[in-house]
Amino acid sequence: MCEDAASRRGVGYVDMYGPLVRHEQWAADMATGDDALPRQAGYGLMAWLVLHSRWHSWLGIEQPAV
């Protein structure tokens, strides 16, 4: 639903829920916090998802060779 709305508006979308819902590190990070915001590891996982998805196309730059 969110991805469809983003697509209609021509903006990028990164699914955070799907990859993180069953991720052990995410669950552990959320369990040690206030259950509303992730802690350091959780933010790192979110950053990884963004950097390994559409980040380069959003910026209009070529993705570096790995």
PDB file of N, CA and C in Angstrom:
ATOM      1  N   MET A   1       0.822  -1.172   0.000  1.00  0.00           N
ATOM      2  CA  MET A   1       0.000   0.000   0.000  1.00  0.00           C
ATOM      3  C   MET A   1       0.882   1.257   0.000  1.00  0.00           C
ATOM      4  N   CYS A   2       1.853   1.341   0.879  1.00  0.00           N
ATOM      5  CA  CYS A   2       2.749   2.499   0.915  1.00  0.00           C
ATOM      6  C   CYS A   2       3.588   2.564  -0.348  1.00  0.00           C
ATOM      7  N   GLU A   3       4.036   1.391  -0.821  1.00  0.00           N
ATOM      8  CA  GLU A   3       4.852   1.356  -2.034  1.00  0.00           C
ATOM      9  C   GLU A   3       4.050   1.856  -3.230  1.00  0.00           C
ATOM     10  N   ASP A   4       2.780   1.473  -3.309  1.00  0.00           N
ATOM     11  CA  ASP A   4       1.919   1.950  -4.392  1.00  0.00           C
ATOM     12  C   ASP A   4       1.740   3.462  -4.329  1.00  0.00           C
ATOM     13  N   ALA A   5       1.511   3.988  -3.142  1.00  0.00           N
ATOM     14  CA  ALA A   5       1.331   5.429  -2.979  1.00  0.00           C
ATOM     15  C   ALA A   5       2.598   6.178  -3.377  1.00  0.00           C
ATOM     16  N   ALA A   6       3.754   5.658  -2.980  1.00  0.00           N
ATOM     17  CA  ALA A   6       5.020   6.295  -3.338  1.00  0.00           C
ATOM     18  C   ALA A   6       5.226   6.261  -4.852  1.00  0.00           C
ATOM     19  N   SER A   7       4.892   5.143  -5.457  1.00  0.00           N
ATOM     20  CA  SER A   7       5.044   5.001  -6.899  1.00  0.00           C
ATOM     21  C   SER A   7       4.160   5.994  -7.646  1.00  0.00           C
ATOM     22  N   ARG A   8       2.924   6.140  -7.211  1.00  0.00           N
ATOM     23  CA  ARG A   8       2.008   7.098  -7.846  1.00  0.00           C
ATOM     24  C   ARG A   8       2.523   8.526  -7.738  1.00  0.00           C
ATOM     25  N   ARG A   9       3.249   8.806  -6.681  1.00  0.00           N
ATOM     26  CA  ARG A   9       3.770  10.155  -6.469  1.00  0.00           C
ATOM     27  C   ARG A   9       5.173  10.343  -7.037  1.00  0.00           C
ATOM     28  N   GLY A  10       5.738   9.263  -7.549  1.00  0.00           N
ATOM     29  CA  GLY A  10       7.063   9.347  -8.155  1.00  0.00           C
ATOM     30  C   GLY A  10       8.192   9.526  -7.161  1.00  0.00           C
ATOM     31  N   VAL A  11       8.002   8.982  -5.968  1.00  0.00           N
ATOM     32  CA  VAL A  11       9.050   9.069  -4.952  1.00  0.00           C
ATOM     33  C   VAL A  11       9.545   7.668  -4.609  1.00  0.00           C
ATOM     34  N   GLY A  12      10.762   7.592  -4.128  1.00  0.00           N
ATOM     35  CA  GLY A  12      11.348   6.311  -3.768  1.00  0.00           C
ATOM     36  C   GLY A  12      10.711   5.713  -2.529  1.00  0.00           C
ATOM     37  N   TYR A  13      10.783   4.409  -2.420  1.00  0.00           N
ATOM     38  CA  TYR A  13      10.217   3.697  -1.279  1.00  0.00           C
ATOM     39  C   TYR A  13      11.136   2.537  -0.934  1.00  0.00           C
ATOM     40  N   VAL A  14      11.421   2.370   0.330  1.00  0.00           N
ATOM     41  CA  VAL A  14      12.199   1.229   0.803  1.00  0.00           C
ATOM     42  C   VAL A  14      11.355   0.505   1.831  1.00  0.00           C
ATOM     43  N   ASP A  15      11.084  -0.766   1.573  1.00  0.00           N
ATOM     44  CA  ASP A  15      10.318  -1.583   2.513  1.00  0.00           C
ATOM     45  C   ASP A  15      11.199  -1.896   3.717  1.00  0.00           C
ATOM     46  N   MET A  16      10.847  -1.379   4.857  1.00  0.00           N
ATOM     47  CA  MET A  16      11.585  -1.663   6.085  1.00  0.00           C
ATOM     48  C   MET A  16      10.939  -2.817   6.842  1.00  0.00           C
ATOM     49  N   TYR A  17       9.627  -2.897   6.783  1.00  0.00           N
ATOM     50  CA  TYR A  17       8.919  -3.904   7.574  1.00  0.00           C
ATOM     51  C   TYR A  17       9.271  -5.324   7.135  1.00  0.00           C
ATOM     52  N   GLY A  18       9.145  -5.590   5.852  1.00  0.00           N
ATOM     53  CA  GLY A  18       9.373  -6.949   5.351  1.00  0.00           C
ATOM     54  C   GLY A  18      10.708  -7.542   5.770  1.00  0.00           C
ATOM     55  N   PRO A  19      11.810  -6.849   5.494  1.00  0.00           N
ATOM     56  CA  PRO A  19      13.106  -7.410   5.851  1.00  0.00           C
ATOM     57  C   PRO A  19      13.389  -7.459   7.360  1.00  0.00           C
ATOM     58  N   LEU A  20      12.762  -6.563   8.130  1.00  0.00           N
ATOM     59  CA  LEU A  20      13.115  -6.472   9.547  1.00  0.00           C
ATOM     60  C   LEU A  20      12.178  -7.233  10.485  1.00  0.00           C
ATOM     61  N   VAL A  21      10.987  -7.551  10.022  1.00  0.00           N
ATOM     62  CA  VAL A  21       9.991  -8.136  10.921  1.00  0.00           C
ATOM     63  C   VAL A  21      10.477  -9.421  11.602  1.00  0.00           C
ATOM     64  N   ARG A  22      11.289 -10.212  10.914  1.00  0.00           N
ATOM     65  CA  ARG A  22      11.781 -11.467  11.505  1.00  0.00           C
ATOM     66  C   ARG A  22      13.294 -11.468  11.708  1.00  0.00           C
ATOM     67  N   HIS A  23      13.900 -10.296  11.675  1.00  0.00           N
ATOM     68  CA  HIS A  23      15.350 -10.198  11.811  1.00  0.00           C
ATOM     69  C   HIS A  23      15.727 -10.239  13.293  1.00  0.00           C
ATOM     70  N   GLU A  24      16.583 -11.176  13.667  1.00  0.00           N
ATOM     71  CA  GLU A  24      16.946 -11.366  15.077  1.00  0.00           C
ATOM     72  C   GLU A  24      17.571 -10.123  15.704  1.00  0.00           C
ATOM     73  N   GLN A  25      18.489  -9.489  14.992  1.00  0.00           N
ATOM     74  CA  GLN A  25      19.166  -8.306  15.530  1.00  0.00           C
ATOM     75  C   GLN A  25      18.171  -7.173  15.761  1.00  0.00           C
ATOM     76  N   TRP A  26      17.236  -7.001  14.818  1.00  0.00           N
ATOM     77  CA  TRP A  26      16.210  -5.965  14.946  1.00  0.00           C
ATOM     78  C   TRP A  26      15.341  -6.241  16.172  1.00  0.00           C
ATOM     79  N   ALA A  27      14.894  -7.483  16.315  1.00  0.00           N
ATOM     80  CA  ALA A  27      14.035  -7.844  17.450  1.00  0.00           C
ATOM     81  C   ALA A  27      14.755  -7.614  18.774  1.00  0.00           C
ATOM     82  N   ALA A  28      16.022  -8.000  18.833  1.00  0.00           N
ATOM     83  CA  ALA A  28      16.790  -7.812  20.061  1.00  0.00           C
ATOM     84  C   ALA A  28      16.972  -6.329  20.360  1.00  0.00           C
ATOM     85  N   ASP A  29      17.241  -5.552  19.324  1.00  0.00           N
ATOM     86  CA  ASP A  29      17.436  -4.120  19.490  1.00  0.00           C
ATOM     87  C   ASP A  29      16.154  -3.453  19.991  1.00  0.00           C
ATOM     88  N   MET A  30      15.035  -3.835  19.422  1.00  0.00           N
ATOM     89  CA  MET A  30      13.755  -3.246  19.828  1.00  0.00           C
ATOM     90  C   MET A  30      13.374  -3.694  21.240  1.00  0.00           C
ATOM     91  N   ALA A  31      13.730  -4.911  21.597  1.00  0.00           N
ATOM     92  CA  ALA A  31      13.392  -5.422  22.931  1.00  0.00           C
ATOM     93  C   ALA A  31      14.158  -4.695  24.032  1.00  0.00           C
ATOM     94  N   THR A  32      15.339  -4.181  23.716  1.00  0.00           N
ATOM     95  CA  THR A  32      16.127  -3.497  24.734  1.00  0.00           C
ATOM     96  C   THR A  32      15.834  -2.000  24.795  1.00  0.00           C
ATOM     97  N   GLY A  33      15.052  -1.507  23.839  1.00  0.00           N
ATOM     98  CA  GLY A  33      14.709  -0.087  23.808  1.00  0.00           C
ATOM     99  C   GLY A  33      13.341   0.152  24.432  1.00  0.00           C
ATOM    100  N   ASP A  34      12.687   1.193  23.950  1.00  0.00           N
ATOM    101  CA  ASP A  34      11.371   1.530  24.485  1.00  0.00           C
ATOM    102  C   ASP A  34      10.248   1.003  23.591  1.00  0.00           C
ATOM    103  N   ASP A  35      10.568   0.099  22.668  1.00  0.00           N
ATOM    104  CA  ASP A  35       9.638  -0.515  21.720  1.00  0.00           C
ATOM    105  C   ASP A  35       9.027   0.466  20.728  1.00  0.00           C
ATOM    106  N   ALA A  36       9.469   1.700  20.732  1.00  0.00           N
ATOM    107  CA  ALA A  36       8.965   2.669  19.764  1.00  0.00           C
ATOM    108  C   ALA A  36      10.051   3.060  18.768  1.00  0.00           C
ATOM    109  N   LEU A  37      11.279   3.112  19.248  1.00  0.00           N
ATOM    110  CA  LEU A  37      12.405   3.498  18.401  1.00  0.00           C
ATOM    111  C   LEU A  37      13.511   2.465  18.516  1.00  0.00           C
ATOM    112  N   PRO A  38      14.180   2.189  17.403  1.00  0.00           N
ATOM    113  CA  PRO A  38      15.297   1.244  17.481  1.00  0.00           C
ATOM    114  C   PRO A  38      16.479   1.868  18.207  1.00  0.00           C
ATOM    115  N   ARG A  39      17.422   1.023  18.532  1.00  0.00           N
ATOM    116  CA  ARG A  39      18.670   1.494  19.118  1.00  0.00           C
ATOM    117  C   ARG A  39      19.712   1.512  17.999  1.00  0.00           C
ATOM    118  N   GLN A  40      20.973   1.553  18.341  1.00  0.00           N
ATOM    119  CA  GLN A  40      22.034   1.713  17.351  1.00  0.00           C
ATOM    120  C   GLN A  40      22.011   0.641  16.265  1.00  0.00           C
ATOM    121  N   ALA A  41      21.904  -0.613  16.643  1.00  0.00           N
ATOM    122  CA  ALA A  41      21.914  -1.692  15.644  1.00  0.00           C
ATOM    123  C   ALA A  41      20.715  -1.582  14.714  1.00  0.00           C
ATOM    124  N   GLY A  42      19.571  -1.222  15.253  1.00  0.00           N
ATOM    125  CA  GLY A  42      18.369  -1.078  14.440  1.00  0.00           C
ATOM    126  C   GLY A  42      18.518   0.008  13.393  1.00  0.00           C
ATOM    127  N   TYR A  43      19.082   1.142  13.792  1.00  0.00           N
ATOM    128  CA  TYR A  43      19.314   2.215  12.826  1.00  0.00           C
ATOM    129  C   TYR A  43      20.338   1.795  11.783  1.00  0.00           C
ATOM    130  N   GLY A  44      21.313   1.006  12.191  1.00  0.00           N
ATOM    131  CA  GLY A  44      22.289   0.484  11.233  1.00  0.00           C
ATOM    132  C   GLY A  44      21.636  -0.423  10.208  1.00  0.00           C
ATOM    133  N   LEU A  45      20.713  -1.264  10.646  1.00  0.00           N
ATOM    134  CA  LEU A  45      19.993  -2.145   9.720  1.00  0.00           C
ATOM    135  C   LEU A  45      19.146  -1.332   8.745  1.00  0.00           C
ATOM    136  N   MET A  46      18.503  -0.296   9.240  1.00  0.00           N
ATOM    137  CA  MET A  46      17.697   0.556   8.367  1.00  0.00           C
ATOM    138  C   MET A  46      18.589   1.259   7.338  1.00  0.00           C
ATOM    139  N   ALA A  47      19.728   1.748   7.768  1.00  0.00           N
ATOM    140  CA  ALA A  47      20.656   2.410   6.851  1.00  0.00           C
ATOM    141  C   ALA A  47      21.144   1.439   5.790  1.00  0.00           C
ATOM    142  N   TRP A  48      21.425   0.203   6.178  1.00  0.00           N
ATOM    143  CA  TRP A  48      21.873  -0.807   5.222  1.00  0.00           C
ATOM    144  C   TRP A  48      20.811  -1.024   4.154  1.00  0.00           C
ATOM    145  N   LEU A  49      19.538  -1.120   4.565  1.00  0.00           N
ATOM    146  CA  LEU A  49      18.456  -1.323   3.599  1.00  0.00           C
ATOM    147  C   LEU A  49      18.379  -0.167   2.602  1.00  0.00           C
ATOM    148  N   VAL A  50      18.506   1.051   3.082  1.00  0.00           N
ATOM    149  CA  VAL A  50      18.450   2.210   2.190  1.00  0.00           C
ATOM    150  C   VAL A  50      19.649   2.214   1.249  1.00  0.00           C
ATOM    151  N   LEU A  51      20.835   2.016   1.806  1.00  0.00           N
ATOM    152  CA  LEU A  51      22.044   2.069   0.981  1.00  0.00           C
ATOM    153  C   LEU A  51      22.121   0.949  -0.049  1.00  0.00           C
ATOM    154  N   HIS A  52      21.436  -0.156   0.204  1.00  0.00           N
ATOM    155  CA  HIS A  52      21.481  -1.292  -0.721  1.00  0.00           C
ATOM    156  C   HIS A  52      20.182  -1.435  -1.510  1.00  0.00           C
ATOM    157  N   SER A  53      19.452  -0.354  -1.639  1.00  0.00           N
ATOM    158  CA  SER A  53      18.235  -0.400  -2.451  1.00  0.00           C
ATOM    159  C   SER A  53      18.303   0.669  -3.523  1.00  0.00           C
ATOM    160  N   ARG A  54      17.546   1.710  -3.366  1.00  0.00           N
ATOM    161  CA  ARG A  54      17.431   2.727  -4.415  1.00  0.00           C
ATOM    162  C   ARG A  54      18.258   3.984  -4.146  1.00  0.00           C
ATOM    163  N   TRP A  55      19.128   3.951  -3.202  1.00  0.00           N
ATOM    164  CA  TRP A  55      19.879   5.131  -2.796  1.00  0.00           C
ATOM    165  C   TRP A  55      20.565   5.828  -3.967  1.00  0.00           C
ATOM    166  N   HIS A  56      21.288   5.071  -4.760  1.00  0.00           N
ATOM    167  CA  HIS A  56      22.059   5.660  -5.851  1.00  0.00           C
ATOM    168  C   HIS A  56      21.151   6.254  -6.921  1.00  0.00           C
ATOM    169  N   SER A  57      20.057   5.571  -7.248  1.00  0.00           N
ATOM    170  CA  SER A  57      19.150   6.129  -8.249  1.00  0.00           C
ATOM    171  C   SER A  57      18.453   7.378  -7.731  1.00  0.00           C
ATOM    172  N   TRP A  58      18.147   7.432  -6.423  1.00  0.00           N
ATOM    173  CA  TRP A  58      17.557   8.649  -5.843  1.00  0.00           C
ATOM    174  C   TRP A  58      18.493   9.833  -6.014  1.00  0.00           C
ATOM    175  N   LEU A  59      19.785   9.576  -5.850  1.00  0.00           N
ATOM    176  CA  LEU A  59      20.764  10.648  -5.963  1.00  0.00           C
ATOM    177  C   LEU A  59      21.173  10.917  -7.404  1.00  0.00           C
ATOM    178  N   GLY A  60      20.756  10.031  -8.316  1.00  0.00           N
ATOM    179  CA  GLY A  60      21.121  10.199  -9.720  1.00  0.00           C
ATOM    180  C   GLY A  60      22.577   9.916  -9.987  1.00  0.00           C
ATOM    181  N   ILE A  61      23.155   9.009  -9.198  1.00  0.00           N
ATOM    182  CA  ILE A  61      24.564   8.648  -9.391  1.00  0.00           C
ATOM    183  C   ILE A  61      24.688   7.160  -9.690  1.00  0.00           C
ATOM    184  N   GLU A  62      25.783   6.795 -10.284  1.00  0.00           N
ATOM    185  CA  GLU A  62      26.024   5.398 -10.617  1.00  0.00           C
ATOM    186  C   GLU A  62      26.428   4.618  -9.372  1.00  0.00           C
ATOM    187  N   GLN A  63      25.899   3.423  -9.243  1.00  0.00           N
ATOM    188  CA  GLN A  63      26.256   2.577  -8.106  1.00  0.00           C
ATOM    189  C   GLN A  63      27.685   2.077  -8.283  1.00  0.00           C
ATOM    190  N   PRO A  64      28.528   2.213  -7.265  1.00  0.00           N
ATOM    191  CA  PRO A  64      29.919   1.771  -7.391  1.00  0.00           C
ATOM    192  C   PRO A  64      30.008   0.255  -7.532  1.00  0.00           C
ATOM    193  N   ALA A  65      30.995  -0.193  -8.261  1.00  0.00           N
ATOM    194  CA  ALA A  65      31.234  -1.628  -8.409  1.00  0.00           C
ATOM    195  C   ALA A  65      31.747  -2.179  -7.102  1.00  0.00           C
ATOM    196  N   VAL A  66      31.289  -3.335  -6.743  1.00  0.00           N
ATOM    197  CA  VAL A  66      31.699  -3.944  -5.478  1.00  0.00           C
ATOM    198  C   VAL A  66      32.776  -4.962  -5.712  1.00  0.00           C
TER     199      VAL A  66
END
